[in-house]
Amino acid sequence: MRSSMTVTAALLLAIAAEALPAQAQTGHDGGPSGAFSYSQDTQVASDQSAAKAVVAAYQEGLNTADFGKISPLFAPDAVAEWNNKTTVVGVDAMAAPYAALFKDAKFDTDFQYDAVDLYGDIAIVRTHHPVGQMELSLKDGTKSLDFNREIFVLHRSGPAWTIVLYTFTTQPRQGEQ
């Protein structure tokens, strides 16, 4: 119950983000408004950095095909929604899909950060892969461009941030508004 309430609250915050007072500066790596920048408020910037570090650790685990590095980044009841895949709820349920993913593909992901927005104990981190930079190596030896835009919704409990929702879309114009 807590998970669905947390995710629902985070999604409602994301939808209402335009109407809420900005707590962080955002920008777009490779997009029309320049690179992501941290807030000038040192506490907000520190929180942004901590949330962003979780996503960077996820990227490292993805690139090294190591679910052992990825799993502690998620809340126990987190949700993962991938293109053309069944929604997965809970870290234990994520193990098999990640194992299959790592069997089928090798990643060299370099997330570009579009935003790290904070709403109390919720952080919404938006990323994209730069056009033409990311190649996905498939198990049959072929390579293909990986056109992803990601949303990571994190929840802070004490000083630690954990991912409560991870989702992405794939389309060739990633990183554009």
C-alpha atoms as a PDB file:
ATOM      1  CA  MET A   1       0.000   0.000   0.000  1.00  0.00           C
ATOM      2  CA  ARG A   2       2.812   2.421   0.900  1.00  0.00           C
ATOM      3  CA  SER A   3       4.495   1.849  -2.464  1.00  0.00           C
ATOM      4  CA  SER A   4       1.433   2.684  -4.518  1.00  0.00           C
ATOM      5  CA  MET A   5       0.779   5.760  -2.377  1.00  0.00           C
ATOM      6  CA  THR A   6       4.400   6.922  -2.734  1.00  0.00           C
ATOM      7  CA  VAL A   7       4.410   6.366  -6.487  1.00  0.00           C
ATOM      8  CA  THR A   8       1.004   8.006  -6.872  1.00  0.00           C
ATOM      9  CA  ALA A   9       2.159  11.008  -4.851  1.00  0.00           C
ATOM     10  CA  ALA A  10       5.338  11.275  -6.905  1.00  0.00           C
ATOM     11  CA  LEU A  11       3.434  11.110 -10.170  1.00  0.00           C
ATOM     12  CA  LEU A  12       0.969  13.731  -9.012  1.00  0.00           C
ATOM     13  CA  LEU A  13       3.900  15.948  -8.088  1.00  0.00           C
ATOM     14  CA  ALA A  14       5.418  15.414 -11.521  1.00  0.00           C
ATOM     15  CA  ILE A  15       2.161  16.367 -13.236  1.00  0.00           C
ATOM     16  CA  ALA A  16       1.741  19.420 -11.024  1.00  0.00           C
ATOM     17  CA  ALA A  17       5.401  20.453 -11.274  1.00  0.00           C
ATOM     18  CA  GLU A  18       4.597  23.344 -13.568  1.00  0.00           C
ATOM     19  CA  ALA A  19       2.303  24.829 -10.930  1.00  0.00           C
ATOM     20  CA  LEU A  20       4.576  24.316  -7.922  1.00  0.00           C
ATOM     21  CA  PRO A  21       7.237  26.816  -6.893  1.00  0.00           C
ATOM     22  CA  ALA A  22      10.603  25.832  -8.302  1.00  0.00           C
ATOM     23  CA  GLN A  23      12.936  24.406  -5.701  1.00  0.00           C
ATOM     24  CA  ALA A  24      15.730  23.739  -8.154  1.00  0.00           C
ATOM     25  CA  GLN A  25      17.105  25.117 -11.340  1.00  0.00           C
ATOM     26  CA  THR A  26      16.860  22.746 -14.252  1.00  0.00           C
ATOM     27  CA  GLY A  27      18.225  22.723 -17.729  1.00  0.00           C
ATOM     28  CA  HIS A  28      18.747  20.358 -20.611  1.00  0.00           C
ATOM     29  CA  ASP A  29      22.022  18.765 -21.641  1.00  0.00           C
ATOM     30  CA  GLY A  30      22.008  19.067 -25.397  1.00  0.00           C
ATOM     31  CA  GLY A  31      18.591  20.719 -25.381  1.00  0.00           C
ATOM     32  CA  PRO A  32      17.503  24.245 -26.076  1.00  0.00           C
ATOM     33  CA  SER A  33      18.260  25.726 -22.658  1.00  0.00           C
ATOM     34  CA  GLY A  34      21.820  24.482 -22.080  1.00  0.00           C
ATOM     35  CA  ALA A  35      23.222  22.121 -19.463  1.00  0.00           C
ATOM     36  CA  PHE A  36      21.560  21.050 -16.221  1.00  0.00           C
ATOM     37  CA  SER A  37      22.619  23.259 -13.339  1.00  0.00           C
ATOM     38  CA  TYR A  38      22.324  22.868  -9.600  1.00  0.00           C
ATOM     39  CA  SER A  39      20.318  25.212  -7.437  1.00  0.00           C
ATOM     40  CA  GLN A  40      22.114  28.215  -5.982  1.00  0.00           C
ATOM     41  CA  ASP A  41      20.697  27.221  -2.589  1.00  0.00           C
ATOM     42  CA  THR A  42      23.446  25.041  -1.092  1.00  0.00           C
ATOM     43  CA  GLN A  43      21.064  22.672   0.750  1.00  0.00           C
ATOM     44  CA  VAL A  44      18.932  22.120  -2.353  1.00  0.00           C
ATOM     45  CA  ALA A  45      22.088  21.618  -4.448  1.00  0.00           C
ATOM     46  CA  SER A  46      23.356  19.060  -1.917  1.00  0.00           C
ATOM     47  CA  ASP A  47      20.050  17.163  -2.094  1.00  0.00           C
ATOM     48  CA  GLN A  48      20.113  17.331  -5.901  1.00  0.00           C
ATOM     49  CA  SER A  49      23.645  15.954  -5.916  1.00  0.00           C
ATOM     50  CA  ALA A  50      22.693  13.087  -3.599  1.00  0.00           C
ATOM     51  CA  ALA A  51      19.676  12.132  -5.740  1.00  0.00           C
ATOM     52  CA  LYS A  52      21.723  12.416  -8.928  1.00  0.00           C
ATOM     53  CA  ALA A  53      24.422  10.169  -7.392  1.00  0.00           C
ATOM     54  CA  VAL A  54      21.859   7.359  -7.050  1.00  0.00           C
ATOM     55  CA  VAL A  55      21.095   7.603 -10.776  1.00  0.00           C
ATOM     56  CA  ALA A  56      24.825   7.678 -11.573  1.00  0.00           C
ATOM     57  CA  ALA A  57      25.271   4.501  -9.505  1.00  0.00           C
ATOM     58  CA  TYR A  58      22.394   2.930 -11.449  1.00  0.00           C
ATOM     59  CA  GLN A  59      24.186   3.836 -14.686  1.00  0.00           C
ATOM     60  CA  GLU A  60      27.379   2.162 -13.420  1.00  0.00           C
ATOM     61  CA  GLY A  61      25.455  -1.005 -12.532  1.00  0.00           C
ATOM     62  CA  LEU A  62      23.773  -0.990 -15.937  1.00  0.00           C
ATOM     63  CA  ASN A  63      27.084  -0.544 -17.768  1.00  0.00           C
ATOM     64  CA  THR A  64      28.752  -3.333 -15.788  1.00  0.00           C
ATOM     65  CA  ALA A  65      25.707  -5.634 -16.075  1.00  0.00           C
ATOM     66  CA  ASP A  66      25.649  -5.936 -12.294  1.00  0.00           C
ATOM     67  CA  PHE A  67      22.226  -6.250 -10.698  1.00  0.00           C
ATOM     68  CA  GLY A  68      24.022  -6.517  -7.343  1.00  0.00           C
ATOM     69  CA  LYS A  69      24.987  -2.844  -7.762  1.00  0.00           C
ATOM     70  CA  ILE A  70      21.525  -1.862  -8.983  1.00  0.00           C
ATOM     71  CA  SER A  71      19.249  -3.648  -6.503  1.00  0.00           C
ATOM     72  CA  PRO A  72      20.199  -1.657  -3.361  1.00  0.00           C
ATOM     73  CA  LEU A  73      19.377   1.580  -5.186  1.00  0.00           C
ATOM     74  CA  PHE A  74      15.692   0.648  -5.323  1.00  0.00           C
ATOM     75  CA  ALA A  75      13.209   0.793  -2.457  1.00  0.00           C
ATOM     76  CA  PRO A  76      12.033  -2.740  -1.580  1.00  0.00           C
ATOM     77  CA  ASP A  77       8.616  -2.075  -3.130  1.00  0.00           C
ATOM     78  CA  ALA A  78       9.834  -0.036  -6.116  1.00  0.00           C
ATOM     79  CA  VAL A  79       8.238  -0.190  -9.559  1.00  0.00           C
ATOM     80  CA  ALA A  80      10.052  -0.627 -12.885  1.00  0.00           C
ATOM     81  CA  GLU A  81       8.218  -0.016 -16.147  1.00  0.00           C
ATOM     82  CA  TRP A  82      10.128  -0.700 -19.364  1.00  0.00           C
ATOM     83  CA  ASN A  83       9.028  -0.404 -22.970  1.00  0.00           C
ATOM     84  CA  ASN A  84       7.239  -3.523 -24.191  1.00  0.00           C
ATOM     85  CA  LYS A  85       7.709  -5.295 -20.845  1.00  0.00           C
ATOM     86  CA  THR A  86       5.437  -6.172 -17.975  1.00  0.00           C
ATOM     87  CA  THR A  87       5.520  -3.769 -15.024  1.00  0.00           C
ATOM     88  CA  VAL A  88       7.631  -5.192 -12.214  1.00  0.00           C
ATOM     89  CA  VAL A  89       6.964  -4.409  -8.548  1.00  0.00           C
ATOM     90  CA  GLY A  90       9.588  -5.114  -5.900  1.00  0.00           C
ATOM     91  CA  VAL A  91      13.335  -5.527  -6.060  1.00  0.00           C
ATOM     92  CA  ASP A  92      13.156  -9.325  -5.882  1.00  0.00           C
ATOM     93  CA  ALA A  93      10.870  -9.378  -8.934  1.00  0.00           C
ATOM     94  CA  MET A  94      13.374  -7.206 -10.849  1.00  0.00           C
ATOM     95  CA  ALA A  95      16.204  -9.768 -10.709  1.00  0.00           C
ATOM     96  CA  ALA A  96      14.993 -11.977 -13.574  1.00  0.00           C
ATOM     97  CA  PRO A  97      14.202  -9.119 -16.013  1.00  0.00           C
ATOM     98  CA  TYR A  98      17.604  -7.540 -15.373  1.00  0.00           C
ATOM     99  CA  ALA A  99      19.340 -10.912 -15.813  1.00  0.00           C
ATOM    100  CA  ALA A 100      17.557 -11.364 -19.158  1.00  0.00           C
ATOM    101  CA  LEU A 101      18.424  -7.810 -20.170  1.00  0.00           C
ATOM    102  CA  PHE A 102      22.111  -8.293 -19.366  1.00  0.00           C
ATOM    103  CA  LYS A 103      22.106 -11.607 -21.258  1.00  0.00           C
ATOM    104  CA  ASP A 104      20.687  -9.884 -24.362  1.00  0.00           C
ATOM    105  CA  ALA A 105      22.559  -6.569 -24.367  1.00  0.00           C
ATOM    106  CA  LYS A 106      25.703  -4.791 -23.239  1.00  0.00           C
ATOM    107  CA  PHE A 107      25.333  -1.151 -22.263  1.00  0.00           C
ATOM    108  CA  ASP A 108      27.606   1.844 -22.549  1.00  0.00           C
ATOM    109  CA  THR A 109      25.135   4.359 -21.179  1.00  0.00           C
ATOM    110  CA  ASP A 110      26.038   7.995 -20.562  1.00  0.00           C
ATOM    111  CA  PHE A 111      23.001   9.666 -19.005  1.00  0.00           C
ATOM    112  CA  GLN A 112      22.544  13.326 -19.834  1.00  0.00           C
ATOM    113  CA  TYR A 113      20.661  15.025 -17.005  1.00  0.00           C
ATOM    114  CA  ASP A 114      17.686  17.137 -17.995  1.00  0.00           C
ATOM    115  CA  ALA A 115      16.424  17.864 -14.496  1.00  0.00           C
ATOM    116  CA  VAL A 116      16.804  17.007 -10.835  1.00  0.00           C
ATOM    117  CA  ASP A 117      13.684  18.486  -9.272  1.00  0.00           C
ATOM    118  CA  LEU A 118      12.966  18.242  -5.548  1.00  0.00           C
ATOM    119  CA  TYR A 119       9.591  18.236  -3.821  1.00  0.00           C
ATOM    120  CA  GLY A 120      10.279  17.622  -0.156  1.00  0.00           C
ATOM    121  CA  ASP A 121      11.357  13.997   0.157  1.00  0.00           C
ATOM    122  CA  ILE A 122      10.631  13.234  -3.510  1.00  0.00           C
ATOM    123  CA  ALA A 123      13.163  13.784  -6.309  1.00  0.00           C
ATOM    124  CA  ILE A 124      12.348  13.497  -9.984  1.00  0.00           C
ATOM    125  CA  VAL A 125      15.421  12.931 -12.146  1.00  0.00           C
ATOM    126  CA  ARG A 126      14.965  13.109 -15.918  1.00  0.00           C
ATOM    127  CA  THR A 127      17.707  11.904 -18.248  1.00  0.00           C
ATOM    128  CA  HIS A 128      18.247  11.112 -21.891  1.00  0.00           C
ATOM    129  CA  HIS A 129      20.871   9.463 -24.042  1.00  0.00           C
ATOM    130  CA  PRO A 130      22.563  11.837 -26.481  1.00  0.00           C
ATOM    131  CA  VAL A 131      21.579  11.327 -30.116  1.00  0.00           C
ATOM    132  CA  GLY A 132      24.019   8.954 -31.791  1.00  0.00           C
ATOM    133  CA  GLN A 133      26.272   8.531 -28.747  1.00  0.00           C
ATOM    134  CA  MET A 134      24.795   5.452 -27.083  1.00  0.00           C
ATOM    135  CA  GLU A 135      25.135   2.077 -28.728  1.00  0.00           C
ATOM    136  CA  LEU A 136      23.435  -1.015 -27.451  1.00  0.00           C
ATOM    137  CA  SER A 137      25.428  -4.175 -28.202  1.00  0.00           C
ATOM    138  CA  LEU A 138      23.105  -7.090 -28.734  1.00  0.00           C
ATOM    139  CA  LYS A 139      23.975 -10.705 -27.962  1.00  0.00           C
ATOM    140  CA  ASP A 140      24.155 -11.569 -31.666  1.00  0.00           C
ATOM    141  CA  GLY A 141      27.003  -9.048 -32.091  1.00  0.00           C
ATOM    142  CA  THR A 142      24.967  -6.328 -33.779  1.00  0.00           C
ATOM    143  CA  LYS A 143      24.833  -2.812 -32.422  1.00  0.00           C
ATOM    144  CA  SER A 144      21.989  -0.404 -32.406  1.00  0.00           C
ATOM    145  CA  LEU A 145      21.442   3.116 -31.189  1.00  0.00           C
ATOM    146  CA  ASP A 146      19.587   3.288 -27.877  1.00  0.00           C
ATOM    147  CA  PHE A 147      17.126   6.178 -27.964  1.00  0.00           C
ATOM    148  CA  ASN A 148      15.973   6.461 -24.359  1.00  0.00           C
ATOM    149  CA  ARG A 149      14.583   9.149 -22.107  1.00  0.00           C
ATOM    150  CA  GLU A 150      14.315   8.078 -18.474  1.00  0.00           C
ATOM    151  CA  ILE A 151      12.423   9.185 -15.397  1.00  0.00           C
ATOM    152  CA  PHE A 152      13.662   8.165 -11.972  1.00  0.00           C
ATOM    153  CA  VAL A 153      11.398   9.025  -9.035  1.00  0.00           C
ATOM    154  CA  LEU A 154      13.302   8.803  -5.771  1.00  0.00           C
ATOM    155  CA  HIS A 155      12.147   8.966  -2.171  1.00  0.00           C
ATOM    156  CA  ARG A 156      14.347  10.159   0.675  1.00  0.00           C
ATOM    157  CA  SER A 157      14.201   8.363   3.980  1.00  0.00           C
ATOM    158  CA  GLY A 158      16.642   9.983   6.370  1.00  0.00           C
ATOM    159  CA  PRO A 159      19.715  10.948   4.369  1.00  0.00           C
ATOM    160  CA  ALA A 160      19.336   8.141   1.790  1.00  0.00           C
ATOM    161  CA  TRP A 161      17.546   8.402  -1.546  1.00  0.00           C
ATOM    162  CA  THR A 162      16.107   5.257  -3.144  1.00  0.00           C
ATOM    163  CA  ILE A 163      14.383   4.763  -6.485  1.00  0.00           C
ATOM    164  CA  VAL A 164      10.649   4.142  -6.114  1.00  0.00           C
ATOM    165  CA  LEU A 165       9.790   4.339  -9.816  1.00  0.00           C
ATOM    166  CA  TYR A 166      11.952   3.874 -12.907  1.00  0.00           C
ATOM    167  CA  THR A 167      10.498   4.186 -16.370  1.00  0.00           C
ATOM    168  CA  PHE A 168      11.674   5.145 -19.823  1.00  0.00           C
ATOM    169  CA  THR A 169      10.490   5.812 -23.326  1.00  0.00           C
ATOM    170  CA  THR A 170      12.338   5.055 -26.507  1.00  0.00           C
ATOM    171  CA  GLN A 171      12.172   7.267 -29.560  1.00  0.00           C
ATOM    172  CA  PRO A 172      14.758   8.776 -31.906  1.00  0.00           C
ATOM    173  CA  ARG A 173      14.257  12.369 -30.782  1.00  0.00           C
ATOM    174  CA  GLN A 174      15.239  11.812 -27.151  1.00  0.00           C
ATOM    175  CA  GLY A 175      16.486  14.832 -25.309  1.00  0.00           C
ATOM    176  CA  GLU A 176      14.153  17.172 -27.141  1.00  0.00           C
ATOM    177  CA  GLN A 177      11.182  18.816 -25.499  1.00  0.00           C
END
